[in-house]
């Protein structure tokens, strides 16, 4: 891909700067849409190679929209082609038996850690059950994209993008209502994907 990047690079190096800025966000986004997050880098790499092959694309002006739309389609295609069963192994990090939690100098209460892990896993499982377009819209919204930007990326109208985000949030809120009520009562914060921010 480096050769293709150099082939598209302009005199001011703006293509390289664009790629350095957007690729980490695209990989993070792809991870949320794939059954196997480890495939995210491969998906983004393949998409970038295809975009670089199309010399008619103006990646400086339209690259973000083209990249995220292509990544969305590639992830949905890969997910629908290969529906994999969730493994209990995915619930753990490096065999520790616990999802990664924020470290601090204070040893966390095991009950708090268990509750946080339970909520984290429940959110992840419910996100995986959302329709692909709803999950994509919600993840993009959580990455601070506007509804207009989401609409361009997903190739839908702005109102449809809002409907996708609203339905995804509503479904997650209904499925996780008991856990979120407990979490909020205990002083926790809702997951950012569930917060109903406005445009």
N, C-alpha and C. Protein backbone atom coordinates (compact mmCIF):
# COMPACT_ATOMS: atom_id res chain seq x y z
N UNK A 1 0.83 -1.20 0.00
CA UNK A 1 0.00 0.00 0.00
C UNK A 1 0.87 1.26 0.00
N UNK A 2 2.06 1.15 0.59
CA UNK A 2 2.95 2.32 0.65
C UNK A 2 3.28 2.84 -0.74
N UNK A 3 3.50 1.91 -1.71
CA UNK A 3 3.81 2.33 -3.07
C UNK A 3 2.63 3.05 -3.70
N UNK A 4 1.42 2.54 -3.44
CA UNK A 4 0.23 3.19 -4.00
C UNK A 4 0.03 4.56 -3.37
N UNK A 5 0.35 4.67 -2.09
CA UNK A 5 0.23 5.96 -1.41
C UNK A 5 1.20 6.96 -2.01
N UNK A 6 2.44 6.50 -2.24
CA UNK A 6 3.43 7.40 -2.85
C UNK A 6 3.00 7.79 -4.26
N UNK A 7 2.36 6.86 -4.97
CA UNK A 7 1.91 7.15 -6.32
C UNK A 7 0.84 8.22 -6.35
N UNK A 8 0.02 8.30 -5.29
CA UNK A 8 -1.04 9.29 -5.23
C UNK A 8 -0.63 10.56 -4.50
N UNK A 9 0.54 10.53 -3.85
CA UNK A 9 0.95 11.65 -3.01
C UNK A 9 1.17 12.91 -3.84
N UNK A 10 0.62 14.00 -3.39
CA UNK A 10 0.83 15.27 -4.06
C UNK A 10 2.09 15.93 -3.52
N UNK A 11 2.46 17.05 -4.13
CA UNK A 11 3.71 17.70 -3.75
C UNK A 11 3.74 18.11 -2.30
N UNK A 12 2.60 18.49 -1.77
CA UNK A 12 2.58 18.95 -0.38
C UNK A 12 2.42 17.81 0.61
N UNK A 13 2.36 16.56 0.12
CA UNK A 13 2.24 15.42 1.02
C UNK A 13 0.89 15.30 1.66
N UNK A 14 -0.13 15.96 1.12
CA UNK A 14 -1.43 15.99 1.78
C UNK A 14 -2.12 14.64 1.81
N UNK A 15 -1.89 13.79 0.80
CA UNK A 15 -2.50 12.45 0.80
C UNK A 15 -1.97 11.64 1.98
N UNK A 16 -0.67 11.72 2.19
CA UNK A 16 -0.06 10.99 3.30
C UNK A 16 -0.59 11.50 4.64
N UNK A 17 -0.75 12.80 4.75
CA UNK A 17 -1.29 13.38 5.99
C UNK A 17 -2.74 12.95 6.19
N UNK A 18 -3.50 12.93 5.10
CA UNK A 18 -4.89 12.48 5.18
C UNK A 18 -4.96 11.05 5.68
N UNK A 19 -4.13 10.17 5.11
CA UNK A 19 -4.14 8.76 5.51
C UNK A 19 -3.74 8.61 6.98
N UNK A 20 -2.73 9.34 7.42
CA UNK A 20 -2.28 9.24 8.81
C UNK A 20 -3.37 9.69 9.77
N UNK A 21 -4.18 10.65 9.35
CA UNK A 21 -5.25 11.15 10.22
C UNK A 21 -6.45 10.22 10.27
N UNK A 22 -6.83 9.65 9.13
CA UNK A 22 -8.11 8.96 9.05
C UNK A 22 -8.02 7.45 9.29
N UNK A 23 -6.88 6.83 8.99
CA UNK A 23 -6.79 5.37 9.09
C UNK A 23 -7.06 4.85 10.51
N UNK A 24 -6.50 5.44 11.57
CA UNK A 24 -6.82 4.91 12.91
C UNK A 24 -8.31 4.97 13.22
N UNK A 25 -8.99 6.04 12.80
CA UNK A 25 -10.44 6.14 13.03
C UNK A 25 -11.19 5.08 12.23
N UNK A 26 -10.74 4.85 10.99
CA UNK A 26 -11.41 3.85 10.16
C UNK A 26 -11.24 2.44 10.73
N UNK A 27 -10.05 2.14 11.25
CA UNK A 27 -9.81 0.83 11.85
C UNK A 27 -10.68 0.65 13.10
N UNK A 28 -10.73 1.69 13.93
CA UNK A 28 -11.57 1.62 15.14
C UNK A 28 -13.03 1.41 14.77
N UNK A 29 -13.48 2.10 13.74
CA UNK A 29 -14.87 1.96 13.27
C UNK A 29 -15.12 0.55 12.75
N UNK A 30 -14.20 0.03 11.94
CA UNK A 30 -14.37 -1.32 11.38
C UNK A 30 -14.43 -2.38 12.48
N UNK A 31 -13.64 -2.18 13.53
CA UNK A 31 -13.65 -3.15 14.63
C UNK A 31 -15.04 -3.29 15.25
N UNK A 32 -15.81 -2.20 15.27
CA UNK A 32 -17.13 -2.26 15.89
C UNK A 32 -18.14 -2.99 15.02
N UNK A 33 -17.86 -3.12 13.73
CA UNK A 33 -18.82 -3.72 12.81
C UNK A 33 -18.55 -5.18 12.49
N UNK A 34 -17.39 -5.67 12.87
CA UNK A 34 -16.99 -7.01 12.48
C UNK A 34 -17.15 -8.02 13.61
N UNK A 35 -17.51 -9.24 13.24
CA UNK A 35 -17.62 -10.30 14.24
C UNK A 35 -16.24 -10.62 14.81
N UNK A 36 -15.22 -10.48 13.98
CA UNK A 36 -13.83 -10.66 14.45
C UNK A 36 -13.11 -9.33 14.31
N UNK A 37 -13.01 -8.56 15.39
CA UNK A 37 -12.36 -7.24 15.31
C UNK A 37 -10.95 -7.29 14.76
N UNK A 38 -10.29 -8.44 14.88
CA UNK A 38 -8.92 -8.55 14.36
C UNK A 38 -8.86 -8.42 12.84
N UNK A 39 -10.02 -8.54 12.17
CA UNK A 39 -10.05 -8.39 10.71
C UNK A 39 -10.07 -6.92 10.27
N UNK A 40 -10.22 -6.00 11.21
CA UNK A 40 -10.45 -4.59 10.86
C UNK A 40 -9.31 -4.00 10.03
N UNK A 41 -8.07 -4.26 10.42
CA UNK A 41 -6.94 -3.68 9.68
C UNK A 41 -6.91 -4.21 8.26
N UNK A 42 -7.22 -5.50 8.06
CA UNK A 42 -7.23 -6.06 6.71
C UNK A 42 -8.30 -5.40 5.85
N UNK A 43 -9.49 -5.19 6.44
CA UNK A 43 -10.59 -4.57 5.70
C UNK A 43 -10.20 -3.15 5.27
N UNK A 44 -9.69 -2.36 6.21
CA UNK A 44 -9.32 -0.97 5.91
C UNK A 44 -8.19 -0.94 4.88
N UNK A 45 -7.23 -1.83 5.02
CA UNK A 45 -6.12 -1.90 4.05
C UNK A 45 -6.65 -2.18 2.66
N UNK A 46 -7.53 -3.17 2.52
CA UNK A 46 -8.08 -3.52 1.21
C UNK A 46 -8.87 -2.36 0.61
N UNK A 47 -9.66 -1.70 1.45
CA UNK A 47 -10.46 -0.57 0.98
C UNK A 47 -9.54 0.56 0.50
N UNK A 48 -8.51 0.88 1.28
CA UNK A 48 -7.59 1.95 0.89
C UNK A 48 -6.89 1.63 -0.43
N UNK A 49 -6.49 0.38 -0.59
CA UNK A 49 -5.83 0.01 -1.84
C UNK A 49 -6.76 0.22 -3.03
N UNK A 50 -8.03 -0.12 -2.86
CA UNK A 50 -8.99 0.09 -3.96
C UNK A 50 -9.18 1.58 -4.23
N UNK A 51 -9.25 2.38 -3.16
CA UNK A 51 -9.43 3.83 -3.35
C UNK A 51 -8.22 4.43 -4.05
N UNK A 52 -7.01 4.00 -3.67
CA UNK A 52 -5.81 4.54 -4.29
C UNK A 52 -5.71 4.15 -5.77
N UNK A 53 -6.32 3.01 -6.13
CA UNK A 53 -6.29 2.57 -7.53
C UNK A 53 -7.17 3.44 -8.42
N UNK A 54 -8.14 4.14 -7.81
CA UNK A 54 -9.04 5.00 -8.58
C UNK A 54 -8.50 6.43 -8.55
N UNK A 55 -7.71 6.76 -9.56
CA UNK A 55 -7.05 8.06 -9.58
C UNK A 55 -8.03 9.21 -9.77
N UNK A 56 -9.27 8.88 -10.17
CA UNK A 56 -10.25 9.95 -10.37
C UNK A 56 -10.81 10.46 -9.05
N UNK A 57 -10.60 9.73 -7.95
CA UNK A 57 -11.12 10.16 -6.65
C UNK A 57 -10.26 11.28 -6.08
N UNK A 58 -10.91 12.29 -5.56
CA UNK A 58 -10.22 13.37 -4.84
C UNK A 58 -10.28 13.05 -3.36
N UNK A 59 -9.28 12.35 -2.87
CA UNK A 59 -9.29 11.88 -1.49
C UNK A 59 -9.14 13.02 -0.49
N UNK A 60 -8.53 14.11 -0.90
CA UNK A 60 -8.39 15.24 0.01
C UNK A 60 -9.76 15.85 0.28
N UNK A 61 -10.57 15.97 -0.75
CA UNK A 61 -11.89 16.60 -0.59
C UNK A 61 -12.95 15.63 -0.11
N UNK A 62 -12.91 14.39 -0.61
CA UNK A 62 -14.00 13.45 -0.34
C UNK A 62 -13.54 12.14 0.29
N UNK A 63 -12.29 12.08 0.68
CA UNK A 63 -11.73 10.82 1.15
C UNK A 63 -12.41 10.24 2.37
N UNK A 64 -12.75 11.09 3.35
CA UNK A 64 -13.37 10.57 4.58
C UNK A 64 -14.68 9.86 4.25
N UNK A 65 -15.51 10.51 3.46
CA UNK A 65 -16.80 9.93 3.12
C UNK A 65 -16.63 8.64 2.31
N UNK A 66 -15.75 8.67 1.31
CA UNK A 66 -15.51 7.48 0.49
C UNK A 66 -14.97 6.32 1.32
N UNK A 67 -14.03 6.63 2.21
CA UNK A 67 -13.42 5.58 3.02
C UNK A 67 -14.43 4.95 3.96
N UNK A 68 -15.16 5.78 4.70
CA UNK A 68 -16.10 5.21 5.67
C UNK A 68 -17.26 4.49 4.99
N UNK A 69 -17.71 4.99 3.84
CA UNK A 69 -18.78 4.28 3.13
C UNK A 69 -18.26 2.93 2.64
N UNK A 70 -17.05 2.91 2.10
CA UNK A 70 -16.48 1.66 1.59
C UNK A 70 -16.21 0.67 2.72
N UNK A 71 -15.71 1.17 3.86
CA UNK A 71 -15.46 0.30 5.01
C UNK A 71 -16.78 -0.28 5.53
N UNK A 72 -17.82 0.55 5.58
CA UNK A 72 -19.13 0.07 6.01
C UNK A 72 -19.60 -1.08 5.13
N UNK A 73 -19.54 -0.88 3.81
CA UNK A 73 -19.99 -1.91 2.89
C UNK A 73 -19.15 -3.17 3.00
N UNK A 74 -17.83 -3.00 3.12
CA UNK A 74 -16.95 -4.16 3.21
C UNK A 74 -17.21 -4.96 4.49
N UNK A 75 -17.45 -4.26 5.59
CA UNK A 75 -17.72 -4.95 6.85
C UNK A 75 -19.06 -5.68 6.81
N UNK A 76 -20.07 -5.02 6.24
CA UNK A 76 -21.38 -5.67 6.13
C UNK A 76 -21.29 -6.89 5.23
N UNK A 77 -20.57 -6.76 4.11
CA UNK A 77 -20.41 -7.90 3.22
C UNK A 77 -19.70 -9.06 3.91
N UNK A 78 -18.65 -8.73 4.65
CA UNK A 78 -17.90 -9.79 5.33
C UNK A 78 -18.74 -10.43 6.43
N UNK A 79 -19.51 -9.61 7.14
CA UNK A 79 -20.33 -10.14 8.24
C UNK A 79 -21.45 -11.02 7.72
N UNK A 80 -22.11 -10.60 6.64
CA UNK A 80 -23.23 -11.39 6.11
C UNK A 80 -22.75 -12.65 5.42
N UNK A 81 -21.52 -12.61 4.88
CA UNK A 81 -20.97 -13.82 4.26
C UNK A 81 -20.59 -14.86 5.29
N UNK A 82 -20.13 -14.39 6.47
CA UNK A 82 -19.61 -15.32 7.46
C UNK A 82 -20.16 -14.96 8.81
N UNK A 83 -21.32 -15.48 9.13
CA UNK A 83 -21.91 -15.29 10.44
C UNK A 83 -21.26 -16.26 11.41
N UNK A 84 -20.50 -15.74 12.34
CA UNK A 84 -19.80 -16.60 13.28
C UNK A 84 -20.47 -16.56 14.63
N UNK A 85 -20.42 -17.71 15.32
CA UNK A 85 -20.96 -17.76 16.67
C UNK A 85 -20.00 -17.07 17.62
N UNK A 86 -20.56 -16.34 18.56
CA UNK A 86 -19.72 -15.70 19.56
C UNK A 86 -19.09 -16.75 20.45
N UNK A 87 -17.84 -16.55 20.77
CA UNK A 87 -17.15 -17.48 21.64
C UNK A 87 -16.97 -16.85 23.01
N UNK A 88 -17.05 -17.69 24.04
CA UNK A 88 -16.82 -17.16 25.38
C UNK A 88 -15.40 -16.64 25.51
N UNK A 89 -14.50 -17.15 24.66
CA UNK A 89 -13.11 -16.66 24.72
C UNK A 89 -13.03 -15.18 24.42
N UNK A 90 -13.98 -14.66 23.62
CA UNK A 90 -13.95 -13.24 23.25
C UNK A 90 -14.27 -12.34 24.43
N UNK A 91 -14.82 -12.91 25.50
CA UNK A 91 -15.20 -12.10 26.65
C UNK A 91 -14.00 -11.77 27.53
N UNK A 92 -12.85 -12.37 27.23
CA UNK A 92 -11.70 -12.18 28.10
C UNK A 92 -10.54 -11.57 27.33
N UNK A 93 -9.68 -10.92 28.03
CA UNK A 93 -8.49 -10.33 27.43
C UNK A 93 -7.26 -11.09 27.87
N UNK A 94 -6.53 -11.63 26.89
CA UNK A 94 -5.26 -12.30 27.17
C UNK A 94 -5.38 -13.39 28.22
N UNK A 95 -6.53 -14.05 28.28
CA UNK A 95 -6.70 -15.15 29.21
C UNK A 95 -6.79 -14.75 30.67
N UNK A 96 -6.98 -13.47 30.95
CA UNK A 96 -7.03 -13.05 32.35
C UNK A 96 -8.37 -13.35 32.98
N UNK A 97 -9.41 -13.52 32.16
CA UNK A 97 -10.73 -13.78 32.70
C UNK A 97 -11.50 -12.51 33.01
N UNK A 98 -10.88 -11.35 32.79
CA UNK A 98 -11.56 -10.07 33.05
C UNK A 98 -11.38 -9.16 31.86
N UNK A 99 -12.42 -8.44 31.50
CA UNK A 99 -12.26 -7.42 30.47
C UNK A 99 -11.36 -6.33 31.03
N UNK A 100 -10.68 -5.64 30.13
CA UNK A 100 -9.78 -4.57 30.56
C UNK A 100 -10.59 -3.44 31.19
N UNK A 101 -10.19 -2.97 32.34
CA UNK A 101 -10.83 -1.84 33.01
C UNK A 101 -9.79 -0.75 33.18
N UNK A 102 -10.25 0.47 33.39
CA UNK A 102 -9.33 1.57 33.60
C UNK A 102 -8.51 1.33 34.86
N UNK A 103 -7.21 1.48 34.71
CA UNK A 103 -6.31 1.26 35.85
C UNK A 103 -6.24 2.53 36.70
N UNK A 104 -6.06 2.35 37.98
CA UNK A 104 -5.85 3.47 38.88
C UNK A 104 -4.95 3.01 40.01
N UNK A 105 -4.50 3.98 40.81
CA UNK A 105 -3.65 3.62 41.94
C UNK A 105 -4.45 2.86 43.00
N UNK A 106 -5.76 3.04 42.99
CA UNK A 106 -6.61 2.38 43.98
C UNK A 106 -7.08 1.03 43.43
N UNK A 107 -7.00 0.01 44.24
CA UNK A 107 -7.50 -1.29 43.82
C UNK A 107 -9.02 -1.23 43.72
N UNK A 108 -9.60 -1.55 42.55
CA UNK A 108 -11.05 -1.44 42.40
C UNK A 108 -11.78 -2.51 43.21
N UNK A 109 -12.98 -2.17 43.61
CA UNK A 109 -13.82 -3.12 44.30
C UNK A 109 -14.18 -4.24 43.33
N UNK A 110 -13.95 -5.51 43.69
CA UNK A 110 -14.26 -6.61 42.77
C UNK A 110 -15.71 -6.61 42.30
N UNK A 111 -16.63 -6.18 43.16
CA UNK A 111 -18.04 -6.13 42.76
C UNK A 111 -18.25 -5.08 41.67
N UNK A 112 -17.56 -3.92 41.79
CA UNK A 112 -17.66 -2.88 40.77
C UNK A 112 -17.06 -3.36 39.45
N UNK A 113 -15.94 -4.05 39.53
CA UNK A 113 -15.30 -4.58 38.33
C UNK A 113 -16.22 -5.58 37.64
N UNK A 114 -16.82 -6.47 38.43
CA UNK A 114 -17.72 -7.48 37.87
C UNK A 114 -18.93 -6.83 37.21
N UNK A 115 -19.49 -5.80 37.87
CA UNK A 115 -20.66 -5.11 37.31
C UNK A 115 -20.30 -4.38 36.02
N UNK A 116 -19.13 -3.73 36.02
CA UNK A 116 -18.69 -3.01 34.82
C UNK A 116 -18.46 -3.98 33.66
N UNK A 117 -17.83 -5.11 33.97
CA UNK A 117 -17.59 -6.12 32.93
C UNK A 117 -18.90 -6.68 32.39
N UNK A 118 -19.85 -6.89 33.28
CA UNK A 118 -21.14 -7.43 32.87
C UNK A 118 -21.86 -6.45 31.94
N UNK A 119 -21.82 -5.16 32.29
CA UNK A 119 -22.46 -4.15 31.45
C UNK A 119 -21.75 -4.04 30.10
N UNK A 120 -20.42 -4.04 30.15
CA UNK A 120 -19.64 -3.94 28.92
C UNK A 120 -19.98 -5.09 27.97
N UNK A 121 -20.03 -6.31 28.50
CA UNK A 121 -20.32 -7.46 27.66
C UNK A 121 -21.76 -7.43 27.16
N UNK A 122 -22.68 -6.97 28.00
CA UNK A 122 -24.08 -6.88 27.57
C UNK A 122 -24.24 -5.88 26.43
N UNK A 123 -23.57 -4.72 26.55
CA UNK A 123 -23.63 -3.72 25.48
C UNK A 123 -23.04 -4.29 24.20
N UNK A 124 -21.90 -4.97 24.31
CA UNK A 124 -21.25 -5.54 23.13
C UNK A 124 -22.15 -6.57 22.45
N UNK A 125 -22.80 -7.42 23.26
CA UNK A 125 -23.67 -8.45 22.70
C UNK A 125 -24.89 -7.83 22.02
N UNK A 126 -25.49 -6.83 22.67
CA UNK A 126 -26.68 -6.20 22.09
C UNK A 126 -26.32 -5.40 20.84
N UNK A 127 -25.16 -4.75 20.82
CA UNK A 127 -24.71 -4.06 19.61
C UNK A 127 -24.58 -5.04 18.44
N UNK A 128 -24.05 -6.23 18.74
CA UNK A 128 -23.86 -7.22 17.69
C UNK A 128 -25.18 -7.71 17.11
N UNK A 129 -26.25 -7.60 17.88
CA UNK A 129 -27.57 -8.06 17.42
C UNK A 129 -28.33 -7.01 16.63
N UNK A 130 -27.86 -5.76 16.66
CA UNK A 130 -28.53 -4.70 15.90
C UNK A 130 -28.38 -4.95 14.40
N UNK A 131 -29.34 -4.52 13.60
CA UNK A 131 -29.14 -4.56 12.15
C UNK A 131 -27.88 -3.79 11.78
N UNK A 132 -27.21 -4.25 10.73
CA UNK A 132 -25.91 -3.69 10.37
C UNK A 132 -25.93 -2.18 10.20
N UNK A 133 -26.95 -1.66 9.51
CA UNK A 133 -27.00 -0.22 9.24
C UNK A 133 -27.24 0.57 10.53
N UNK A 134 -28.06 0.03 11.44
CA UNK A 134 -28.27 0.72 12.72
C UNK A 134 -26.98 0.75 13.53
N UNK A 135 -26.28 -0.37 13.56
CA UNK A 135 -25.03 -0.41 14.33
C UNK A 135 -24.01 0.54 13.72
N UNK A 136 -23.92 0.56 12.40
CA UNK A 136 -22.97 1.47 11.75
C UNK A 136 -23.30 2.92 12.06
N UNK A 137 -24.58 3.28 11.98
CA UNK A 137 -24.99 4.66 12.26
C UNK A 137 -24.69 5.04 13.70
N UNK A 138 -24.96 4.12 14.63
CA UNK A 138 -24.72 4.41 16.04
C UNK A 138 -23.24 4.55 16.34
N UNK A 139 -22.42 3.70 15.76
CA UNK A 139 -20.98 3.79 15.98
C UNK A 139 -20.42 5.10 15.41
N UNK A 140 -20.90 5.49 14.23
CA UNK A 140 -20.45 6.75 13.66
C UNK A 140 -20.87 7.93 14.53
N UNK A 141 -22.09 7.88 15.07
CA UNK A 141 -22.56 8.94 15.96
C UNK A 141 -21.70 9.00 17.22
N UNK A 142 -21.33 7.83 17.73
CA UNK A 142 -20.46 7.80 18.92
C UNK A 142 -19.08 8.36 18.63
N UNK A 143 -18.69 8.36 17.35
CA UNK A 143 -17.40 8.94 16.94
C UNK A 143 -17.54 10.42 16.61
N UNK A 144 -18.69 11.00 16.96
CA UNK A 144 -18.95 12.45 16.84
C UNK A 144 -19.22 12.91 15.42
N UNK A 145 -19.62 12.00 14.53
CA UNK A 145 -20.04 12.43 13.20
C UNK A 145 -21.46 12.98 13.29
N UNK A 146 -21.74 14.00 12.50
CA UNK A 146 -23.07 14.57 12.46
C UNK A 146 -23.99 13.66 11.65
N UNK A 147 -25.30 13.91 11.76
CA UNK A 147 -26.25 13.11 10.98
C UNK A 147 -26.03 13.29 9.48
N UNK A 148 -25.69 14.50 9.06
CA UNK A 148 -25.40 14.73 7.65
C UNK A 148 -24.20 13.92 7.19
N UNK A 149 -23.17 13.88 8.01
CA UNK A 149 -21.98 13.10 7.66
C UNK A 149 -22.29 11.61 7.63
N UNK A 150 -23.07 11.16 8.62
CA UNK A 150 -23.47 9.74 8.65
C UNK A 150 -24.29 9.40 7.40
N UNK A 151 -25.16 10.30 7.02
CA UNK A 151 -25.99 10.08 5.83
C UNK A 151 -25.12 9.91 4.60
N UNK A 152 -24.09 10.76 4.44
CA UNK A 152 -23.19 10.65 3.30
C UNK A 152 -22.42 9.34 3.33
N UNK A 153 -21.94 8.96 4.51
CA UNK A 153 -21.14 7.74 4.64
C UNK A 153 -21.98 6.50 4.33
N UNK A 154 -23.21 6.46 4.85
CA UNK A 154 -24.06 5.28 4.67
C UNK A 154 -24.93 5.36 3.42
N UNK A 155 -24.82 6.47 2.70
CA UNK A 155 -25.58 6.64 1.46
C UNK A 155 -27.09 6.60 1.72
N UNK A 156 -27.53 7.31 2.74
CA UNK A 156 -28.95 7.43 3.06
C UNK A 156 -29.25 8.91 3.25
N UNK A 157 -30.53 9.24 3.40
CA UNK A 157 -30.89 10.63 3.67
C UNK A 157 -30.55 11.00 5.11
N UNK A 158 -30.48 12.29 5.40
CA UNK A 158 -30.20 12.73 6.77
C UNK A 158 -31.28 12.28 7.72
N UNK A 159 -32.54 12.35 7.29
CA UNK A 159 -33.62 11.91 8.16
C UNK A 159 -33.54 10.42 8.42
N UNK A 160 -33.16 9.65 7.41
CA UNK A 160 -33.01 8.21 7.59
C UNK A 160 -31.86 7.90 8.54
N UNK A 161 -30.78 8.69 8.44
CA UNK A 161 -29.66 8.50 9.36
C UNK A 161 -30.12 8.73 10.80
N UNK A 162 -30.94 9.78 11.00
CA UNK A 162 -31.47 10.04 12.34
C UNK A 162 -32.34 8.91 12.84
N UNK A 163 -33.14 8.34 11.93
CA UNK A 163 -34.00 7.21 12.31
C UNK A 163 -33.15 6.01 12.71
N UNK A 164 -32.09 5.74 11.96
CA UNK A 164 -31.22 4.61 12.29
C UNK A 164 -30.60 4.76 13.67
N UNK A 165 -30.10 5.97 13.96
CA UNK A 165 -29.49 6.23 15.27
C UNK A 165 -30.54 6.11 16.37
N UNK A 166 -31.72 6.69 16.14
CA UNK A 166 -32.78 6.67 17.15
C UNK A 166 -33.22 5.25 17.45
N UNK A 167 -33.44 4.45 16.41
CA UNK A 167 -33.90 3.07 16.62
C UNK A 167 -32.84 2.22 17.32
N UNK A 168 -31.59 2.45 16.96
CA UNK A 168 -30.51 1.70 17.62
C UNK A 168 -30.45 2.05 19.10
N UNK A 169 -30.52 3.35 19.42
CA UNK A 169 -30.48 3.77 20.82
C UNK A 169 -31.69 3.23 21.58
N UNK A 170 -32.85 3.29 20.95
CA UNK A 170 -34.07 2.82 21.60
C UNK A 170 -33.98 1.33 21.91
N UNK A 171 -33.50 0.55 20.95
CA UNK A 171 -33.37 -0.89 21.15
C UNK A 171 -32.40 -1.19 22.28
N UNK A 172 -31.25 -0.52 22.27
CA UNK A 172 -30.27 -0.77 23.33
C UNK A 172 -30.81 -0.34 24.68
N UNK A 173 -31.49 0.79 24.73
CA UNK A 173 -32.05 1.27 26.00
C UNK A 173 -33.06 0.27 26.56
N UNK A 174 -33.90 -0.28 25.67
CA UNK A 174 -34.90 -1.25 26.12
C UNK A 174 -34.25 -2.54 26.60
N UNK A 175 -33.27 -3.02 25.85
CA UNK A 175 -32.61 -4.28 26.20
C UNK A 175 -31.77 -4.17 27.46
N UNK A 176 -31.21 -2.97 27.69
CA UNK A 176 -30.27 -2.80 28.80
C UNK A 176 -30.85 -1.96 29.94
N UNK A 177 -32.15 -1.70 29.90
CA UNK A 177 -32.75 -0.76 30.85
C UNK A 177 -32.49 -1.15 32.31
N UNK A 178 -32.63 -2.43 32.62
CA UNK A 178 -32.43 -2.83 34.03
C UNK A 178 -30.99 -2.63 34.46
N UNK A 179 -30.05 -2.95 33.59
CA UNK A 179 -28.64 -2.79 33.94
C UNK A 179 -28.25 -1.32 34.00
N UNK A 180 -28.78 -0.51 33.08
CA UNK A 180 -28.45 0.92 33.08
C UNK A 180 -29.03 1.61 34.30
N UNK A 181 -30.23 1.23 34.71
CA UNK A 181 -30.84 1.82 35.90
C UNK A 181 -29.99 1.54 37.12
N UNK A 182 -29.51 0.31 37.23
CA UNK A 182 -28.64 -0.06 38.35
C UNK A 182 -27.34 0.71 38.30
N UNK A 183 -26.78 0.82 37.08
CA UNK A 183 -25.50 1.52 36.91
C UNK A 183 -25.62 2.99 37.26
N UNK A 184 -26.70 3.63 36.82
CA UNK A 184 -26.89 5.05 37.10
C UNK A 184 -27.14 5.28 38.57
N UNK A 185 -27.93 4.41 39.19
CA UNK A 185 -28.20 4.53 40.63
C UNK A 185 -26.93 4.43 41.44
N UNK A 186 -25.97 3.65 40.91
CA UNK A 186 -24.70 3.48 41.62
C UNK A 186 -23.71 4.57 41.29
N UNK A 187 -24.13 5.54 40.48
CA UNK A 187 -23.25 6.65 40.15
C UNK A 187 -22.46 6.45 38.89
N UNK A 188 -22.79 5.40 38.09
CA UNK A 188 -22.07 5.15 36.85
C UNK A 188 -22.59 6.02 35.73
N UNK A 189 -21.93 5.96 34.62
CA UNK A 189 -22.32 6.72 33.44
C UNK A 189 -22.83 5.78 32.37
N UNK A 190 -23.78 6.25 31.59
CA UNK A 190 -24.24 5.47 30.46
C UNK A 190 -23.15 5.39 29.41
N UNK A 191 -23.20 4.31 28.64
CA UNK A 191 -22.32 4.19 27.50
C UNK A 191 -22.58 5.35 26.54
N UNK A 192 -21.54 5.92 25.95
CA UNK A 192 -21.70 7.10 25.09
C UNK A 192 -22.60 6.83 23.90
N UNK A 193 -22.69 5.58 23.46
CA UNK A 193 -23.54 5.28 22.32
C UNK A 193 -25.01 5.45 22.65
N UNK A 194 -25.35 5.41 23.95
CA UNK A 194 -26.76 5.47 24.34
C UNK A 194 -27.20 6.88 24.65
N UNK A 195 -26.26 7.81 24.75
CA UNK A 195 -26.62 9.16 25.13
C UNK A 195 -27.35 9.85 23.99
N UNK A 196 -28.43 10.51 24.30
CA UNK A 196 -29.25 11.12 23.26
C UNK A 196 -28.85 12.53 22.95
N UNK A 197 -27.65 12.74 22.44
CA UNK A 197 -27.23 14.10 22.11
C UNK A 197 -27.95 14.55 20.86
N UNK A 198 -27.99 15.84 20.67
CA UNK A 198 -28.69 16.40 19.52
C UNK A 198 -27.68 16.98 18.55
N UNK A 199 -28.21 17.28 17.37
CA UNK A 199 -27.32 17.86 16.34
C UNK A 199 -26.87 19.25 16.75
